[in-house]
Protein backbone atom coordinates (compact mmCIF):
# COMPACT_ATOMS: atom_id res chain seq x y z
CA UNK A 1 0.00 0.00 0.00
CA UNK A 2 2.84 2.36 0.81
CA UNK A 3 4.29 1.68 -2.66
CA UNK A 4 0.94 2.54 -4.22
CA UNK A 5 0.76 5.74 -2.23
CA UNK A 6 4.30 6.67 -3.28
CA UNK A 7 3.46 5.96 -6.92
CA UNK A 8 0.37 8.18 -6.67
CA UNK A 9 2.44 10.97 -5.09
CA UNK A 10 5.05 10.75 -7.87
CA UNK A 11 2.33 10.79 -10.51
CA UNK A 12 0.70 13.76 -8.78
CA UNK A 13 4.05 15.63 -8.70
CA UNK A 14 4.61 14.85 -12.38
CA UNK A 15 1.13 16.12 -13.25
CA UNK A 16 1.65 19.29 -11.21
CA UNK A 17 5.01 19.86 -12.92
CA UNK A 18 3.37 19.39 -16.33
CA UNK A 19 0.58 21.80 -15.39
CA UNK A 20 3.15 24.39 -14.23
CA UNK A 21 5.05 23.96 -17.52
CA UNK A 22 1.86 24.41 -19.54
CA UNK A 23 0.95 27.50 -17.50
CA UNK A 24 4.39 29.00 -18.26
CA UNK A 25 3.93 28.21 -21.95
CA UNK A 26 0.45 29.74 -21.88
CA UNK A 27 1.79 32.89 -20.20
CA UNK A 28 4.49 33.19 -22.91
CA UNK A 29 1.89 32.74 -25.64
CA UNK A 30 -0.35 35.38 -24.03
CA UNK A 31 2.61 37.76 -23.91
CA UNK A 32 3.38 37.13 -27.59
CA UNK A 33 -0.29 37.60 -28.45
CA UNK A 34 -0.36 40.93 -26.61
CA UNK A 35 2.75 42.07 -28.52
CA UNK A 36 1.20 40.97 -31.80
CA UNK A 37 -2.02 42.80 -30.97
CA UNK A 38 -0.04 45.96 -30.20
CA UNK A 39 1.70 45.60 -33.56
CA UNK A 40 -1.62 45.15 -35.35
CA UNK A 41 -3.08 48.21 -33.61
CA UNK A 42 -0.01 50.23 -34.64
CA UNK A 43 -0.32 48.94 -38.19
CA UNK A 44 -3.98 49.96 -38.37
CA UNK A 45 -3.08 53.41 -37.06
CA UNK A 46 -0.41 53.70 -39.75
CA UNK A 47 -2.87 52.58 -42.41
CA UNK A 48 -5.41 55.14 -41.19
CA UNK A 49 -2.74 57.85 -41.43
CA UNK A 50 -1.81 56.77 -44.95
CA UNK A 51 -5.46 56.69 -46.01
CA UNK A 52 -5.91 60.22 -44.68
CA UNK A 53 -2.81 61.34 -46.59
CA UNK A 54 -4.18 59.79 -49.77
CA UNK A 55 -7.51 61.59 -49.28
CA UNK A 56 -5.66 64.88 -48.97
CA UNK A 57 -3.45 64.08 -51.96
CA UNK A 58 -6.49 63.39 -54.12
CA UNK A 59 -7.75 66.88 -53.28
CA UNK A 60 -4.42 68.49 -54.18
CA UNK A 61 -4.67 70.97 -57.03
CA UNK A 62 -1.58 71.50 -59.16
CA UNK A 63 -1.40 74.70 -61.17
CA UNK A 64 2.19 74.76 -62.39
CA UNK A 65 5.11 72.39 -62.52
CA UNK A 66 8.47 74.15 -62.71
CA UNK A 67 11.34 72.01 -63.99
CA UNK A 68 14.94 72.47 -65.06
CA UNK A 69 15.55 71.03 -68.55
CA UNK A 70 18.52 69.02 -67.28
CA UNK A 71 16.20 67.20 -64.86
CA UNK A 72 13.60 66.32 -67.48
CA UNK A 73 14.30 62.95 -69.05
CA UNK A 74 11.18 62.77 -71.22
CA UNK A 75 9.66 66.21 -71.81
CA UNK A 76 6.67 64.88 -73.76
CA UNK A 77 5.76 62.37 -71.09
CA UNK A 78 6.17 64.94 -68.31
CA UNK A 79 4.10 67.43 -70.29
CA UNK A 80 1.36 64.87 -70.79
CA UNK A 81 1.31 64.02 -67.07
CA UNK A 82 1.22 67.69 -66.09
CA UNK A 83 -1.58 68.39 -68.58
CA UNK A 84 -3.54 65.40 -67.29
CA UNK A 85 -3.34 66.96 -63.82
CA UNK A 86 -4.75 70.19 -65.26
CA UNK A 87 -1.55 72.14 -64.81
CA UNK A 88 0.99 73.89 -66.98
CA UNK A 89 4.59 72.84 -67.41
CA UNK A 90 7.23 75.56 -67.24
CA UNK A 91 10.74 74.53 -68.15
CA UNK A 92 13.40 77.05 -67.11
CA UNK A 93 17.11 77.08 -66.44
CA UNK A 94 17.32 76.63 -62.68
CA UNK A 95 20.63 74.81 -62.37
CA UNK A 96 23.65 75.99 -60.45
CA UNK A 97 27.24 74.97 -61.06
CA UNK A 98 26.72 72.04 -58.69
CA UNK A 99 24.92 69.08 -60.25
CA UNK A 100 21.45 68.51 -58.80
CA UNK A 101 21.35 71.87 -57.02
CA UNK A 102 19.16 74.82 -57.99
CA UNK A 103 20.62 78.28 -58.34
CA UNK A 104 18.71 80.39 -55.77
CA UNK A 105 18.63 83.51 -57.97
CA UNK A 106 17.44 81.62 -61.04
CA UNK A 107 14.78 79.88 -58.98
CA UNK A 108 13.63 83.17 -57.44
CA UNK A 109 13.45 84.76 -60.87
CA UNK A 110 11.40 81.85 -62.23
CA UNK A 111 8.99 82.08 -59.29
CA UNK A 112 8.69 85.83 -59.81
CA UNK A 113 7.82 85.33 -63.48
CA UNK A 114 5.23 82.69 -62.56
CA UNK A 115 3.64 84.72 -59.80
CA UNK A 116 3.50 88.01 -61.69
CA UNK A 117 2.39 86.60 -65.04
CA UNK A 118 -1.04 87.69 -66.23
C-alpha atoms as a PDB file:
ATOM      1  CA  UNK A   1       0.000   0.000   0.000  1.00  0.00           C
ATOM      2  CA  UNK A   2       2.837   2.358   0.813  1.00  0.00           C
ATOM      3  CA  UNK A   3       4.290   1.681  -2.661  1.00  0.00           C
ATOM      4  CA  UNK A   4       0.940   2.541  -4.223  1.00  0.00           C
ATOM      5  CA  UNK A   5       0.763   5.738  -2.230  1.00  0.00           C
ATOM      6  CA  UNK A   6       4.302   6.675  -3.277  1.00  0.00           C
ATOM      7  CA  UNK A   7       3.464   5.963  -6.915  1.00  0.00           C
ATOM      8  CA  UNK A   8       0.374   8.183  -6.674  1.00  0.00           C
ATOM      9  CA  UNK A   9       2.439  10.972  -5.093  1.00  0.00           C
ATOM     10  CA  UNK A  10       5.048  10.747  -7.868  1.00  0.00           C
ATOM     11  CA  UNK A  11       2.327  10.794 -10.512  1.00  0.00           C
ATOM     12  CA  UNK A  12       0.696  13.765  -8.783  1.00  0.00           C
ATOM     13  CA  UNK A  13       4.045  15.631  -8.698  1.00  0.00           C
ATOM     14  CA  UNK A  14       4.614  14.855 -12.377  1.00  0.00           C
ATOM     15  CA  UNK A  15       1.128  16.120 -13.250  1.00  0.00           C
ATOM     16  CA  UNK A  16       1.645  19.293 -11.205  1.00  0.00           C
ATOM     17  CA  UNK A  17       5.006  19.860 -12.917  1.00  0.00           C
ATOM     18  CA  UNK A  18       3.371  19.387 -16.326  1.00  0.00           C
ATOM     19  CA  UNK A  19       0.577  21.797 -15.391  1.00  0.00           C
ATOM     20  CA  UNK A  20       3.146  24.390 -14.235  1.00  0.00           C
ATOM     21  CA  UNK A  21       5.054  23.960 -17.519  1.00  0.00           C
ATOM     22  CA  UNK A  22       1.864  24.406 -19.536  1.00  0.00           C
ATOM     23  CA  UNK A  23       0.946  27.496 -17.497  1.00  0.00           C
ATOM     24  CA  UNK A  24       4.387  28.999 -18.264  1.00  0.00           C
ATOM     25  CA  UNK A  25       3.935  28.205 -21.953  1.00  0.00           C
ATOM     26  CA  UNK A  26       0.454  29.740 -21.883  1.00  0.00           C
ATOM     27  CA  UNK A  27       1.794  32.886 -20.196  1.00  0.00           C
ATOM     28  CA  UNK A  28       4.487  33.186 -22.906  1.00  0.00           C
ATOM     29  CA  UNK A  29       1.893  32.744 -25.640  1.00  0.00           C
ATOM     30  CA  UNK A  30      -0.351  35.377 -24.032  1.00  0.00           C
ATOM     31  CA  UNK A  31       2.611  37.755 -23.914  1.00  0.00           C
ATOM     32  CA  UNK A  32       3.383  37.125 -27.594  1.00  0.00           C
ATOM     33  CA  UNK A  33      -0.289  37.598 -28.447  1.00  0.00           C
ATOM     34  CA  UNK A  34      -0.355  40.927 -26.610  1.00  0.00           C
ATOM     35  CA  UNK A  35       2.755  42.065 -28.515  1.00  0.00           C
ATOM     36  CA  UNK A  36       1.199  40.967 -31.798  1.00  0.00           C
ATOM     37  CA  UNK A  37      -2.022  42.803 -30.965  1.00  0.00           C
ATOM     38  CA  UNK A  38      -0.041  45.959 -30.199  1.00  0.00           C
ATOM     39  CA  UNK A  39       1.696  45.600 -33.560  1.00  0.00           C
ATOM     40  CA  UNK A  40      -1.620  45.153 -35.351  1.00  0.00           C
ATOM     41  CA  UNK A  41      -3.076  48.209 -33.615  1.00  0.00           C
ATOM     42  CA  UNK A  42      -0.008  50.231 -34.636  1.00  0.00           C
ATOM     43  CA  UNK A  43      -0.319  48.938 -38.194  1.00  0.00           C
ATOM     44  CA  UNK A  44      -3.983  49.958 -38.371  1.00  0.00           C
ATOM     45  CA  UNK A  45      -3.083  53.413 -37.055  1.00  0.00           C
ATOM     46  CA  UNK A  46      -0.408  53.699 -39.746  1.00  0.00           C
ATOM     47  CA  UNK A  47      -2.874  52.579 -42.409  1.00  0.00           C
ATOM     48  CA  UNK A  48      -5.406  55.143 -41.192  1.00  0.00           C
ATOM     49  CA  UNK A  49      -2.738  57.855 -41.429  1.00  0.00           C
ATOM     50  CA  UNK A  50      -1.813  56.766 -44.948  1.00  0.00           C
ATOM     51  CA  UNK A  51      -5.463  56.692 -46.011  1.00  0.00           C
ATOM     52  CA  UNK A  52      -5.905  60.225 -44.683  1.00  0.00           C
ATOM     53  CA  UNK A  53      -2.807  61.345 -46.595  1.00  0.00           C
ATOM     54  CA  UNK A  54      -4.181  59.790 -49.775  1.00  0.00           C
ATOM     55  CA  UNK A  55      -7.508  61.585 -49.279  1.00  0.00           C
ATOM     56  CA  UNK A  56      -5.661  64.879 -48.970  1.00  0.00           C
ATOM     57  CA  UNK A  57      -3.451  64.083 -51.960  1.00  0.00           C
ATOM     58  CA  UNK A  58      -6.493  63.391 -54.124  1.00  0.00           C
ATOM     59  CA  UNK A  59      -7.752  66.883 -53.279  1.00  0.00           C
ATOM     60  CA  UNK A  60      -4.423  68.492 -54.176  1.00  0.00           C
ATOM     61  CA  UNK A  61      -4.667  70.965 -57.025  1.00  0.00           C
ATOM     62  CA  UNK A  62      -1.575  71.499 -59.160  1.00  0.00           C
ATOM     63  CA  UNK A  63      -1.397  74.696 -61.172  1.00  0.00           C
ATOM     64  CA  UNK A  64       2.195  74.765 -62.387  1.00  0.00           C
ATOM     65  CA  UNK A  65       5.110  72.395 -62.524  1.00  0.00           C
ATOM     66  CA  UNK A  66       8.471  74.151 -62.707  1.00  0.00           C
ATOM     67  CA  UNK A  67      11.337  72.010 -63.990  1.00  0.00           C
ATOM     68  CA  UNK A  68      14.936  72.470 -65.062  1.00  0.00           C
ATOM     69  CA  UNK A  69      15.550  71.034 -68.547  1.00  0.00           C
ATOM     70  CA  UNK A  70      18.519  69.015 -67.276  1.00  0.00           C
ATOM     71  CA  UNK A  71      16.203  67.201 -64.856  1.00  0.00           C
ATOM     72  CA  UNK A  72      13.596  66.319 -67.477  1.00  0.00           C
ATOM     73  CA  UNK A  73      14.300  62.947 -69.047  1.00  0.00           C
ATOM     74  CA  UNK A  74      11.176  62.774 -71.222  1.00  0.00           C
ATOM     75  CA  UNK A  75       9.656  66.213 -71.814  1.00  0.00           C
ATOM     76  CA  UNK A  76       6.674  64.884 -73.757  1.00  0.00           C
ATOM     77  CA  UNK A  77       5.764  62.368 -71.095  1.00  0.00           C
ATOM     78  CA  UNK A  78       6.172  64.935 -68.310  1.00  0.00           C
ATOM     79  CA  UNK A  79       4.102  67.435 -70.286  1.00  0.00           C
ATOM     80  CA  UNK A  80       1.356  64.872 -70.787  1.00  0.00           C
ATOM     81  CA  UNK A  81       1.306  64.023 -67.065  1.00  0.00           C
ATOM     82  CA  UNK A  82       1.217  67.689 -66.088  1.00  0.00           C
ATOM     83  CA  UNK A  83      -1.582  68.390 -68.576  1.00  0.00           C
ATOM     84  CA  UNK A  84      -3.537  65.398 -67.292  1.00  0.00           C
ATOM     85  CA  UNK A  85      -3.339  66.965 -63.820  1.00  0.00           C
ATOM     86  CA  UNK A  86      -4.753  70.188 -65.262  1.00  0.00           C
ATOM     87  CA  UNK A  87      -1.546  72.142 -64.808  1.00  0.00           C
ATOM     88  CA  UNK A  88       0.987  73.889 -66.977  1.00  0.00           C
ATOM     89  CA  UNK A  89       4.594  72.835 -67.415  1.00  0.00           C
ATOM     90  CA  UNK A  90       7.228  75.558 -67.243  1.00  0.00           C
ATOM     91  CA  UNK A  91      10.745  74.533 -68.147  1.00  0.00           C
ATOM     92  CA  UNK A  92      13.396  77.050 -67.114  1.00  0.00           C
ATOM     93  CA  UNK A  93      17.115  77.077 -66.444  1.00  0.00           C
ATOM     94  CA  UNK A  94      17.323  76.630 -62.676  1.00  0.00           C
ATOM     95  CA  UNK A  95      20.628  74.810 -62.371  1.00  0.00           C
ATOM     96  CA  UNK A  96      23.645  75.994 -60.449  1.00  0.00           C
ATOM     97  CA  UNK A  97      27.239  74.973 -61.057  1.00  0.00           C
ATOM     98  CA  UNK A  98      26.722  72.043 -58.691  1.00  0.00           C
ATOM     99  CA  UNK A  99      24.919  69.079 -60.252  1.00  0.00           C
ATOM    100  CA  UNK A 100      21.454  68.512 -58.796  1.00  0.00           C
ATOM    101  CA  UNK A 101      21.352  71.871 -57.020  1.00  0.00           C
ATOM    102  CA  UNK A 102      19.160  74.821 -57.994  1.00  0.00           C
ATOM    103  CA  UNK A 103      20.617  78.280 -58.336  1.00  0.00           C
ATOM    104  CA  UNK A 104      18.714  80.385 -55.775  1.00  0.00           C
ATOM    105  CA  UNK A 105      18.631  83.512 -57.971  1.00  0.00           C
ATOM    106  CA  UNK A 106      17.438  81.618 -61.044  1.00  0.00           C
ATOM    107  CA  UNK A 107      14.785  79.879 -58.975  1.00  0.00           C
ATOM    108  CA  UNK A 108      13.625  83.173 -57.439  1.00  0.00           C
ATOM    109  CA  UNK A 109      13.450  84.760 -60.875  1.00  0.00           C
ATOM    110  CA  UNK A 110      11.403  81.846 -62.231  1.00  0.00           C
ATOM    111  CA  UNK A 111       8.992  82.080 -59.290  1.00  0.00           C
ATOM    112  CA  UNK A 112       8.686  85.835 -59.808  1.00  0.00           C
ATOM    113  CA  UNK A 113       7.825  85.327 -63.476  1.00  0.00           C
ATOM    114  CA  UNK A 114       5.230  82.693 -62.564  1.00  0.00           C
ATOM    115  CA  UNK A 115       3.638  84.719 -59.803  1.00  0.00           C
ATOM    116  CA  UNK A 116       3.501  88.010 -61.694  1.00  0.00           C
ATOM    117  CA  UNK A 117       2.386  86.596 -65.042  1.00  0.00           C
ATOM    118  CA  UNK A 118      -1.041  87.690 -66.225  1.00  0.00           C
END
